[in-house]
PDB file of N, CA and C in Angstrom:
ATOM      1  N   UNK A   1     103.285  83.734 118.598  1.00  0.00           N
ATOM      2  CA  UNK A   1     104.572  83.407 117.602  1.00  0.00           C
ATOM      3  C   UNK A   1     103.718  83.574 116.079  1.00  0.00           C
ATOM      4  N   UNK A   2     104.594  84.227 115.430  1.00  0.00           N
ATOM      5  CA  UNK A   2     104.006  83.671 113.896  1.00  0.00           C
ATOM      6  C   UNK A   2     105.439  82.961 113.208  1.00  0.00           C
ATOM      7  N   UNK A   3     105.149  82.306 112.254  1.00  0.00           N
ATOM      8  CA  UNK A   3     105.778  81.526 111.425  1.00  0.00           C
ATOM      9  C   UNK A   3     106.621  82.412 110.061  1.00  0.00           C
ATOM     10  N   UNK A   4     107.506  82.567 109.815  1.00  0.00           N
ATOM     11  CA  UNK A   4     108.281  83.059 108.704  1.00  0.00           C
ATOM     12  C   UNK A   4     109.068  82.194 107.962  1.00  0.00           C
ATOM     13  N   UNK A   5     109.550  82.678 106.576  1.00  0.00           N
ATOM     14  CA  UNK A   5     110.344  81.693 105.734  1.00  0.00           C
ATOM     15  C   UNK A   5     111.261  82.893 105.520  1.00  0.00           C
ATOM     16  N   UNK A   6     112.693  82.561 105.623  1.00  0.00           N
ATOM     17  CA  UNK A   6     113.874  83.661 105.359  1.00  0.00           C
ATOM     18  C   UNK A   6     114.777  83.177 103.944  1.00  0.00           C
ATOM     19  N   UNK A   7     114.741  83.884 103.182  1.00  0.00           N
ATOM     20  CA  UNK A   7     115.705  83.249 102.302  1.00  0.00           C
ATOM     21  C   UNK A   7     116.835  84.190 102.296  1.00  0.00           C
ATOM     22  N   UNK A   8     118.131  83.499 102.192  1.00  0.00           N
ATOM     23  CA  UNK A   8     119.507  84.379 102.165  1.00  0.00           C
ATOM     24  C   UNK A   8     120.106  83.912 101.198  1.00  0.00           C
ATOM     25  N   UNK A   9     120.861  85.344 100.204  1.00  0.00           N
ATOM     26  CA  UNK A   9     121.671  84.683  99.674  1.00  0.00           C
ATOM     27  C   UNK A   9     123.284  85.357  99.485  1.00  0.00           C
ATOM     28  N   UNK A  10     124.234  84.608 100.089  1.00  0.00           N
ATOM     29  CA  UNK A  10     125.359  84.930 100.100  1.00  0.00           C
ATOM     30  C   UNK A  10     126.206  85.087  98.886  1.00  0.00           C
ATOM     31  N   UNK A  11     127.227  85.942  99.100  1.00  0.00           N
ATOM     32  CA  UNK A  11     128.305  85.959  98.143  1.00  0.00           C
ATOM     33  C   UNK A  11     128.831  84.875  97.578  1.00  0.00           C
ATOM     34  N   UNK A  12     128.965  84.715  96.145  1.00  0.00           N
ATOM     35  CA  UNK A  12     129.742  83.299  95.742  1.00  0.00           C
ATOM     36  C   UNK A  12     131.203  82.954  95.958  1.00  0.00           C
ATOM     37  N   UNK A  13     131.990  84.237  96.595  1.00  0.00           N
ATOM     38  CA  UNK A  13     133.057  83.983  96.679  1.00  0.00           C
ATOM     39  C   UNK A  13     133.656  83.661  97.888  1.00  0.00           C
ATOM     40  N   UNK A  14     132.649  83.442  98.656  1.00  0.00           N
ATOM     41  CA  UNK A  14     132.785  82.575  99.940  1.00  0.00           C
ATOM     42  C   UNK A  14     132.824  81.201  99.898  1.00  0.00           C
ATOM     43  N   UNK A  15     133.815  81.002 101.119  1.00  0.00           N
ATOM     44  CA  UNK A  15     133.789  79.354 101.045  1.00  0.00           C
ATOM     45  C   UNK A  15     132.624  78.832 101.448  1.00  0.00           C
ATOM     46  N   UNK A  16     132.096  77.569 101.108  1.00  0.00           N
ATOM     47  CA  UNK A  16     130.953  76.842 101.512  1.00  0.00           C
ATOM     48  C   UNK A  16     131.101  76.791 103.005  1.00  0.00           C
ATOM     49  N   UNK A  17     132.118  76.472 103.876  1.00  0.00           N
ATOM     50  CA  UNK A  17     132.121  76.540 104.929  1.00  0.00           C
ATOM     51  C   UNK A  17     131.522  77.717 105.661  1.00  0.00           C
ATOM     52  N   UNK A  18     132.242  79.086 105.223  1.00  0.00           N
ATOM     53  CA  UNK A  18     132.026  80.023 105.944  1.00  0.00           C
ATOM     54  C   UNK A  18     130.433  80.247 105.520  1.00  0.00           C
ATOM     55  N   UNK A  19     130.024  80.254 104.718  1.00  0.00           N
ATOM     56  CA  UNK A  19     128.519  80.069 104.349  1.00  0.00           C
ATOM     57  C   UNK A  19     127.633  79.176 105.303  1.00  0.00           C
ATOM     58  N   UNK A  20     127.993  78.332 105.778  1.00  0.00           N
ATOM     59  CA  UNK A  20     127.238  77.393 106.674  1.00  0.00           C
ATOM     60  C   UNK A  20     127.557  78.082 108.107  1.00  0.00           C
ATOM     61  N   UNK A  21     128.723  78.735 108.202  1.00  0.00           N
ATOM     62  CA  UNK A  21     128.954  78.987 109.333  1.00  0.00           C
ATOM     63  C   UNK A  21     128.265  80.220 109.714  1.00  0.00           C
ATOM     64  N   UNK A  22     127.715  81.306 108.649  1.00  0.00           N
ATOM     65  CA  UNK A  22     127.219  82.262 108.707  1.00  0.00           C
ATOM     66  C   UNK A  22     125.731  81.773 109.001  1.00  0.00           C
ATOM     67  N   UNK A  23     124.936  80.906 108.381  1.00  0.00           N
ATOM     68  CA  UNK A  23     123.956  80.456 108.313  1.00  0.00           C
ATOM     69  C   UNK A  23     123.567  79.936 110.154  1.00  0.00           C
ATOM     70  N   UNK A  24     124.787  79.423 110.549  1.00  0.00           N
ATOM     71  CA  UNK A  24     124.645  78.988 111.954  1.00  0.00           C
ATOM     72  C   UNK A  24     124.196  80.216 112.899  1.00  0.00           C
ATOM     73  N   UNK A  25     125.265  81.431 112.378  1.00  0.00           N
ATOM     74  CA  UNK A  25     125.069  82.474 113.307  1.00  0.00           C
ATOM     75  C   UNK A  25     123.571  83.111 113.215  1.00  0.00           C
ATOM     76  N   UNK A  26     122.888  82.871 111.977  1.00  0.00           N
ATOM     77  CA  UNK A  26     121.495  83.256 111.933  1.00  0.00           C
ATOM     78  C   UNK A  26     120.646  82.488 112.666  1.00  0.00           C
ATOM     79  N   UNK A  27     120.825  81.376 112.548  1.00  0.00           N
ATOM     80  CA  UNK A  27     120.093  80.395 113.632  1.00  0.00           C
ATOM     81  C   UNK A  27     120.265  80.648 115.228  1.00  0.00           C
ATOM     82  N   UNK A  28     121.236  81.126 115.364  1.00  0.00           N
ATOM     83  CA  UNK A  28     121.797  81.194 116.858  1.00  0.00           C
ATOM     84  C   UNK A  28     121.094  82.945 117.174  1.00  0.00           C
ATOM     85  N   UNK A  29     121.036  83.665 116.244  1.00  0.00           N
ATOM     86  CA  UNK A  29     120.284  85.066 116.468  1.00  0.00           C
ATOM     87  C   UNK A  29     118.798  84.643 117.097  1.00  0.00           C
ATOM     88  N   UNK A  30     118.373  83.764 116.066  1.00  0.00           N
ATOM     89  CA  UNK A  30     116.834  83.671 115.912  1.00  0.00           C
ATOM     90  C   UNK A  30     116.505  82.792 117.121  1.00  0.00           C
ATOM     91  N   UNK A  31     117.322  81.788 118.063  1.00  0.00           N
ATOM     92  CA  UNK A  31     117.122  81.132 119.291  1.00  0.00           C
ATOM     93  C   UNK A  31     117.323  82.170 120.162  1.00  0.00           C
ATOM     94  N   UNK A  32     118.306  83.026 120.203  1.00  0.00           N
ATOM     95  CA  UNK A  32     118.838  84.067 121.248  1.00  0.00           C
ATOM     96  C   UNK A  32     117.441  84.672 121.549  1.00  0.00           C
ATOM     97  N   UNK A  33     116.891  85.179 120.453  1.00  0.00           N
ATOM     98  CA  UNK A  33     115.484  86.468 120.783  1.00  0.00           C
ATOM     99  C   UNK A  33     114.728  85.423 120.993  1.00  0.00           C
ATOM    100  N   UNK A  34     114.430  84.448 121.091  1.00  0.00           N
ATOM    101  CA  UNK A  34     113.084  83.444 121.786  1.00  0.00           C
ATOM    102  C   UNK A  34     112.291  83.011 120.548  1.00  0.00           C
ATOM    103  N   UNK A  35     113.049  82.885 119.534  1.00  0.00           N
ATOM    104  CA  UNK A  35     112.546  82.297 118.216  1.00  0.00           C
ATOM    105  C   UNK A  35     112.975  80.983 118.441  1.00  0.00           C
ATOM    106  N   UNK A  36     112.235  80.134 117.329  1.00  0.00           N
ATOM    107  CA  UNK A  36     112.593  78.742 117.066  1.00  0.00           C
ATOM    108  C   UNK A  36     112.857  78.216 115.599  1.00  0.00           C
ATOM    109  N   UNK A  37     113.786  77.606 115.514  1.00  0.00           N
ATOM    110  CA  UNK A  37     113.863  77.528 113.953  1.00  0.00           C
ATOM    111  C   UNK A  37     113.320  75.909 113.546  1.00  0.00           C
ATOM    112  N   UNK A  38     112.286  76.080 112.371  1.00  0.00           N
ATOM    113  CA  UNK A  38     111.917  74.927 112.473  1.00  0.00           C
ATOM    114  C   UNK A  38     112.502  73.864 111.148  1.00  0.00           C
ATOM    115  N   UNK A  39     113.261  74.568 110.588  1.00  0.00           N
ATOM    116  CA  UNK A  39     113.794  74.161 109.015  1.00  0.00           C
ATOM    117  C   UNK A  39     114.901  74.829 108.572  1.00  0.00           C
ATOM    118  N   UNK A  40     115.975  74.715 108.106  1.00  0.00           N
ATOM    119  CA  UNK A  40     116.904  74.796 107.503  1.00  0.00           C
ATOM    120  C   UNK A  40     117.125  74.197 106.138  1.00  0.00           C
ATOM    121  N   UNK A  41     117.255  74.765 104.827  1.00  0.00           N
ATOM    122  CA  UNK A  41     117.608  74.132 103.728  1.00  0.00           C
ATOM    123  C   UNK A  41     118.512  74.811 103.134  1.00  0.00           C
ATOM    124  N   UNK A  42     119.598  74.244 103.032  1.00  0.00           N
ATOM    125  CA  UNK A  42     121.071  74.692 102.209  1.00  0.00           C
ATOM    126  C   UNK A  42     120.856  74.735 101.191  1.00  0.00           C
ATOM    127  N   UNK A  43     120.645  75.362  99.934  1.00  0.00           N
ATOM    128  CA  UNK A  43     120.368  74.917  98.546  1.00  0.00           C
ATOM    129  C   UNK A  43     121.833  74.729  97.990  1.00  0.00           C
ATOM    130  N   UNK A  44     123.077  75.694  98.163  1.00  0.00           N
ATOM    131  CA  UNK A  44     124.277  75.494  97.626  1.00  0.00           C
ATOM    132  C   UNK A  44     124.461  76.579  96.802  1.00  0.00           C
ATOM    133  N   UNK A  45     125.492  76.597  95.988  1.00  0.00           N
ATOM    134  CA  UNK A  45     125.604  77.629  94.975  1.00  0.00           C
ATOM    135  C   UNK A  45     124.602  77.403  93.638  1.00  0.00           C
ATOM    136  N   UNK A  46     124.018  78.505  93.506  1.00  0.00           N
ATOM    137  CA  UNK A  46     122.981  78.497  92.270  1.00  0.00           C
ATOM    138  C   UNK A  46     123.305  80.077  91.398  1.00  0.00           C
ATOM    139  N   UNK A  47     122.872  79.890  90.207  1.00  0.00           N
ATOM    140  CA  UNK A  47     122.992  81.011  89.102  1.00  0.00           C
ATOM    141  C   UNK A  47     121.858  81.573  89.390  1.00  0.00           C
ATOM    142  N   UNK A  48     122.043  83.136  89.342  1.00  0.00           N
ATOM    143  CA  UNK A  48     120.963  83.957  89.662  1.00  0.00           C
ATOM    144  C   UNK A  48     120.468  84.250  88.194  1.00  0.00           C
ATOM    145  N   UNK A  49     118.910  84.561  87.981  1.00  0.00           N
ATOM    146  CA  UNK A  49     117.962  84.663  86.837  1.00  0.00           C
ATOM    147  C   UNK A  49     118.716  86.144  86.290  1.00  0.00           C
ATOM    148  N   UNK A  50     119.051  87.181  86.639  1.00  0.00           N
ATOM    149  CA  UNK A  50     119.846  88.205  86.259  1.00  0.00           C
ATOM    150  C   UNK A  50     121.133  88.481  87.201  1.00  0.00           C
ATOM    151  N   UNK A  51     121.758  89.360  86.742  1.00  0.00           N
ATOM    152  CA  UNK A  51     122.896  89.824  87.554  1.00  0.00           C
ATOM    153  C   UNK A  51     122.641  90.908  88.757  1.00  0.00           C
ATOM    154  N   UNK A  52     123.393  90.744  89.523  1.00  0.00           N
ATOM    155  CA  UNK A  52     123.030  91.315  90.986  1.00  0.00           C
ATOM    156  C   UNK A  52     124.546  92.177  91.237  1.00  0.00           C
ATOM    157  N   UNK A  53     124.761  93.514  91.319  1.00  0.00           N
ATOM    158  CA  UNK A  53     125.946  94.301  91.943  1.00  0.00           C
ATOM    159  C   UNK A  53     127.173  93.197  91.129  1.00  0.00           C
ATOM    160  N   UNK A  54     127.050  92.818  89.809  1.00  0.00           N
ATOM    161  CA  UNK A  54     127.995  92.494  88.896  1.00  0.00           C
ATOM    162  C   UNK A  54     128.359  91.002  89.172  1.00  0.00           C
ATOM    163  N   UNK A  55     127.778  90.274  90.190  1.00  0.00           N
ATOM    164  CA  UNK A  55     127.372  88.903  90.520  1.00  0.00           C
ATOM    165  C   UNK A  55     126.689  88.268  89.916  1.00  0.00           C
ATOM    166  N   UNK A  56     126.748  86.829  89.362  1.00  0.00           N
ATOM    167  CA  UNK A  56     125.936  85.886  88.662  1.00  0.00           C
ATOM    168  C   UNK A  56     125.576  85.021  89.439  1.00  0.00           C
ATOM    169  N   UNK A  57     126.217  84.747  90.830  1.00  0.00           N
ATOM    170  CA  UNK A  57     125.547  83.562  91.052  1.00  0.00           C
ATOM    171  C   UNK A  57     125.956  83.643  93.006  1.00  0.00           C
ATOM    172  N   UNK A  58     125.402  83.076  93.739  1.00  0.00           N
ATOM    173  CA  UNK A  58     125.327  83.376  95.007  1.00  0.00           C
ATOM    174  C   UNK A  58     124.891  81.901  95.747  1.00  0.00           C
ATOM    175  N   UNK A  59     125.488  81.851  97.164  1.00  0.00           N
ATOM    176  CA  UNK A  59     124.657  80.738  98.059  1.00  0.00           C
ATOM    177  C   UNK A  59     123.423  80.677  98.504  1.00  0.00           C
ATOM    178  N   UNK A  60     122.614  80.103  98.006  1.00  0.00           N
ATOM    179  CA  UNK A  60     121.133  80.266  98.722  1.00  0.00           C
ATOM    180  C   UNK A  60     120.934  79.181  99.979  1.00  0.00           C
ATOM    181  N   UNK A  61     120.101  79.973 100.907  1.00  0.00           N
ATOM    182  CA  UNK A  61     119.883  79.289 101.880  1.00  0.00           C
ATOM    183  C   UNK A  61     118.561  79.626 102.456  1.00  0.00           C
ATOM    184  N   UNK A  62     117.406  78.872 102.930  1.00  0.00           N
ATOM    185  CA  UNK A  62     115.921  79.080 103.447  1.00  0.00           C
ATOM    186  C   UNK A  62     116.045  78.501 104.376  1.00  0.00           C
ATOM    187  N   UNK A  63     115.464  79.467 105.514  1.00  0.00           N
ATOM    188  CA  UNK A  63     115.146  78.967 107.122  1.00  0.00           C
ATOM    189  C   UNK A  63     113.735  79.170 107.029  1.00  0.00           C
ATOM    190  N   UNK A  64     112.623  78.216 108.001  1.00  0.00           N
ATOM    191  CA  UNK A  64     111.662  78.375 108.426  1.00  0.00           C
ATOM    192  C   UNK A  64     111.590  78.654 109.923  1.00  0.00           C
ATOM    193  N   UNK A  65     111.058  79.874 110.297  1.00  0.00           N
ATOM    194  CA  UNK A  65     111.247  80.039 112.090  1.00  0.00           C
ATOM    195  C   UNK A  65     110.005  80.381 112.500  1.00  0.00           C
ATOM    196  N   UNK A  66     110.070  80.683 113.884  1.00  0.00           N
ATOM    197  CA  UNK A  66     108.679  81.268 114.323  1.00  0.00           C
ATOM    198  C   UNK A  66     109.344  82.037 115.636  1.00  0.00           C
ATOM    199  N   UNK A  67     108.647  83.196 115.378  1.00  0.00           N
ATOM    200  CA  UNK A  67     108.611  84.209 116.438  1.00  0.00           C
ATOM    201  C   UNK A  67     108.188  85.513 116.310  1.00  0.00           C
ATOM    202  N   UNK A  68     108.044  86.363 117.351  1.00  0.00           N
ATOM    203  CA  UNK A  68     107.532  87.453 117.448  1.00  0.00           C
ATOM    204  C   UNK A  68     108.038  88.425 116.273  1.00  0.00           C
ATOM    205  N   UNK A  69     107.316  89.633 116.015  1.00  0.00           N
ATOM    206  CA  UNK A  69     107.177  90.749 114.905  1.00  0.00           C
ATOM    207  C   UNK A  69     108.712  91.329 115.046  1.00  0.00           C
ATOM    208  N   UNK A  70     109.030  91.677 116.318  1.00  0.00           N
ATOM    209  CA  UNK A  70     110.294  92.092 116.627  1.00  0.00           C
ATOM    210  C   UNK A  70     111.564  91.563 115.890  1.00  0.00           C
ATOM    211  N   UNK A  71     111.278  90.282 116.215  1.00  0.00           N
ATOM    212  CA  UNK A  71     112.539  89.419 115.699  1.00  0.00           C
ATOM    213  C   UNK A  71     112.798  89.510 114.133  1.00  0.00           C
ATOM    214  N   UNK A  72     111.490  89.600 113.544  1.00  0.00           N
ATOM    215  CA  UNK A  72     111.728  89.801 111.904  1.00  0.00           C
ATOM    216  C   UNK A  72     112.215  90.680 111.718  1.00  0.00           C
ATOM    217  N   UNK A  73     111.627  91.704 112.555  1.00  0.00           N
ATOM    218  CA  UNK A  73     112.138  93.249 112.187  1.00  0.00           C
ATOM    219  C   UNK A  73     113.437  93.336 112.572  1.00  0.00           C
ATOM    220  N   UNK A  74     114.470  92.786 113.353  1.00  0.00           N
ATOM    221  CA  UNK A  74     115.613  92.805 114.005  1.00  0.00           C
ATOM    222  C   UNK A  74     116.804  91.626 112.946  1.00  0.00           C
ATOM    223  N   UNK A  75     115.937  90.995 112.686  1.00  0.00           N
ATOM    224  CA  UNK A  75     116.679  90.042 111.497  1.00  0.00           C
ATOM    225  C   UNK A  75     116.717  90.991 110.182  1.00  0.00           C
ATOM    226  N   UNK A  76     115.649  91.442 109.734  1.00  0.00           N
ATOM    227  CA  UNK A  76     115.717  92.030 108.752  1.00  0.00           C
ATOM    228  C   UNK A  76     116.937  93.322 108.365  1.00  0.00           C
ATOM    229  N   UNK A  77     116.773  94.271 109.337  1.00  0.00           N
ATOM    230  CA  UNK A  77     117.908  95.186 109.941  1.00  0.00           C
ATOM    231  C   UNK A  77     119.198  94.551 109.790  1.00  0.00           C
ATOM    232  N   UNK A  78     119.587  93.573 110.479  1.00  0.00           N
ATOM    233  CA  UNK A  78     120.757  93.101 110.830  1.00  0.00           C
ATOM    234  C   UNK A  78     121.441  92.316 109.429  1.00  0.00           C
ATOM    235  N   UNK A  79     120.479  91.465 108.609  1.00  0.00           N
ATOM    236  CA  UNK A  79     120.835  91.166 107.689  1.00  0.00           C
ATOM    237  C   UNK A  79     121.131  92.266 106.250  1.00  0.00           C
ATOM    238  N   UNK A  80     120.589  93.262 106.372  1.00  0.00           N
ATOM    239  CA  UNK A  80     120.524  94.363 105.451  1.00  0.00           C
ATOM    240  C   UNK A  80     121.714  94.875 105.692  1.00  0.00           C
ATOM    241  N   UNK A  81     122.592  95.049 106.775  1.00  0.00           N
ATOM    242  CA  UNK A  81     123.771  95.515 106.932  1.00  0.00           C
ATOM    243  C   UNK A  81     125.211  94.583 106.657  1.00  0.00           C
ATOM    244  N   UNK A  82     124.793  93.306 106.619  1.00  0.00           N
ATOM    245  CA  UNK A  82     125.776  92.563 106.047  1.00  0.00           C
ATOM    246  C   UNK A  82     126.537  92.647 104.980  1.00  0.00           C
ATOM    247  N   UNK A  83     127.722  92.543 104.784  1.00  0.00           N
ATOM    248  CA  UNK A  83     128.139  92.794 103.423  1.00  0.00           C
ATOM    249  C   UNK A  83     128.090  91.194 102.502  1.00  0.00           C
ATOM    250  N   UNK A  84     128.356  90.092 103.516  1.00  0.00           N
ATOM    251  CA  UNK A  84     128.420  88.904 102.784  1.00  0.00           C
ATOM    252  C   UNK A  84     126.790  88.480 102.507  1.00  0.00           C
ATOM    253  N   UNK A  85     126.081  89.212 102.672  1.00  0.00           N
ATOM    254  CA  UNK A  85     124.502  88.938 102.049  1.00  0.00           C
ATOM    255  C   UNK A  85     124.406  89.658 100.768  1.00  0.00           C
ATOM    256  N   UNK A  86     124.070  89.004  99.884  1.00  0.00           N
ATOM    257  CA  UNK A  86     123.626  89.730  98.426  1.00  0.00           C
ATOM    258  C   UNK A  86     122.326  90.184  98.506  1.00  0.00           C
ATOM    259  N   UNK A  87     121.262  89.387  98.908  1.00  0.00           N
ATOM    260  CA  UNK A  87     119.718  89.380  99.276  1.00  0.00           C
ATOM    261  C   UNK A  87     119.394  88.653 100.167  1.00  0.00           C
ATOM    262  N   UNK A  88     118.232  89.400 100.885  1.00  0.00           N
ATOM    263  CA  UNK A  88     117.034  88.384 101.754  1.00  0.00           C
ATOM    264  C   UNK A  88     115.773  88.821 101.755  1.00  0.00           C
ATOM    265  N   UNK A  89     115.219  87.871 101.922  1.00  0.00           N
ATOM    266  CA  UNK A  89     113.548  88.374 102.022  1.00  0.00           C
ATOM    267  C   UNK A  89     113.149  87.480 103.094  1.00  0.00           C
ATOM    268  N   UNK A  90     112.416  88.203 103.733  1.00  0.00           N
ATOM    269  CA  UNK A  90     111.127  87.217 105.167  1.00  0.00           C
ATOM    270  C   UNK A  90     109.966  87.477 104.446  1.00  0.00           C
ATOM    271  N   UNK A  91     109.364  86.421 104.545  1.00  0.00           N
ATOM    272  CA  UNK A  91     107.856  86.708 104.563  1.00  0.00           C
ATOM    273  C   UNK A  91     107.295  85.817 105.415  1.00  0.00           C
ATOM    274  N   UNK A  92     105.754  86.205 105.901  1.00  0.00           N
ATOM    275  CA  UNK A  92     105.021  85.396 106.851  1.00  0.00           C
ATOM    276  C   UNK A  92     104.504  84.095 106.174  1.00  0.00           C
ATOM    277  N   UNK A  93     104.806  82.982 106.608  1.00  0.00           N
ATOM    278  CA  UNK A  93     104.435  81.677 106.130  1.00  0.00           C
ATOM    279  C   UNK A  93     102.378  82.011 106.585  1.00  0.00           C
ATOM    280  N   UNK A  94     101.717  81.130 105.542  1.00  0.00           N
ATOM    281  CA  UNK A  94     100.522  81.011 105.530  1.00  0.00           C
ATOM    282  C   UNK A  94      99.943  80.283 106.855  1.00  0.00           C
ATOM    283  N   UNK A  95     100.612  79.620 107.510  1.00  0.00           N
ATOM    284  CA  UNK A  95      99.698  79.052 108.778  1.00  0.00           C
ATOM    285  C   UNK A  95     100.032  79.513 110.117  1.00  0.00           C
TER     286      UNK A  95
END
């Protein structure tokens, strides 16, 4: 298994409870596909460095997880289709 870091930015107009619920769903998707969530860091609402789709802020979350390449590819595809996700990025951790 490989280690990955996932950063997700959810829309600013969502309630914080809804964002936390969406993050829980991402964690469940990882564990359902034999991945292991090692850390979750909810940053809260932050201002963007530049405007994205006429938005200037969003809810940031960073997840660290271990999983196979197929899990990373599935997450990338799934998060790209969600309307509630403004941006996401998955990078392989150096360890």
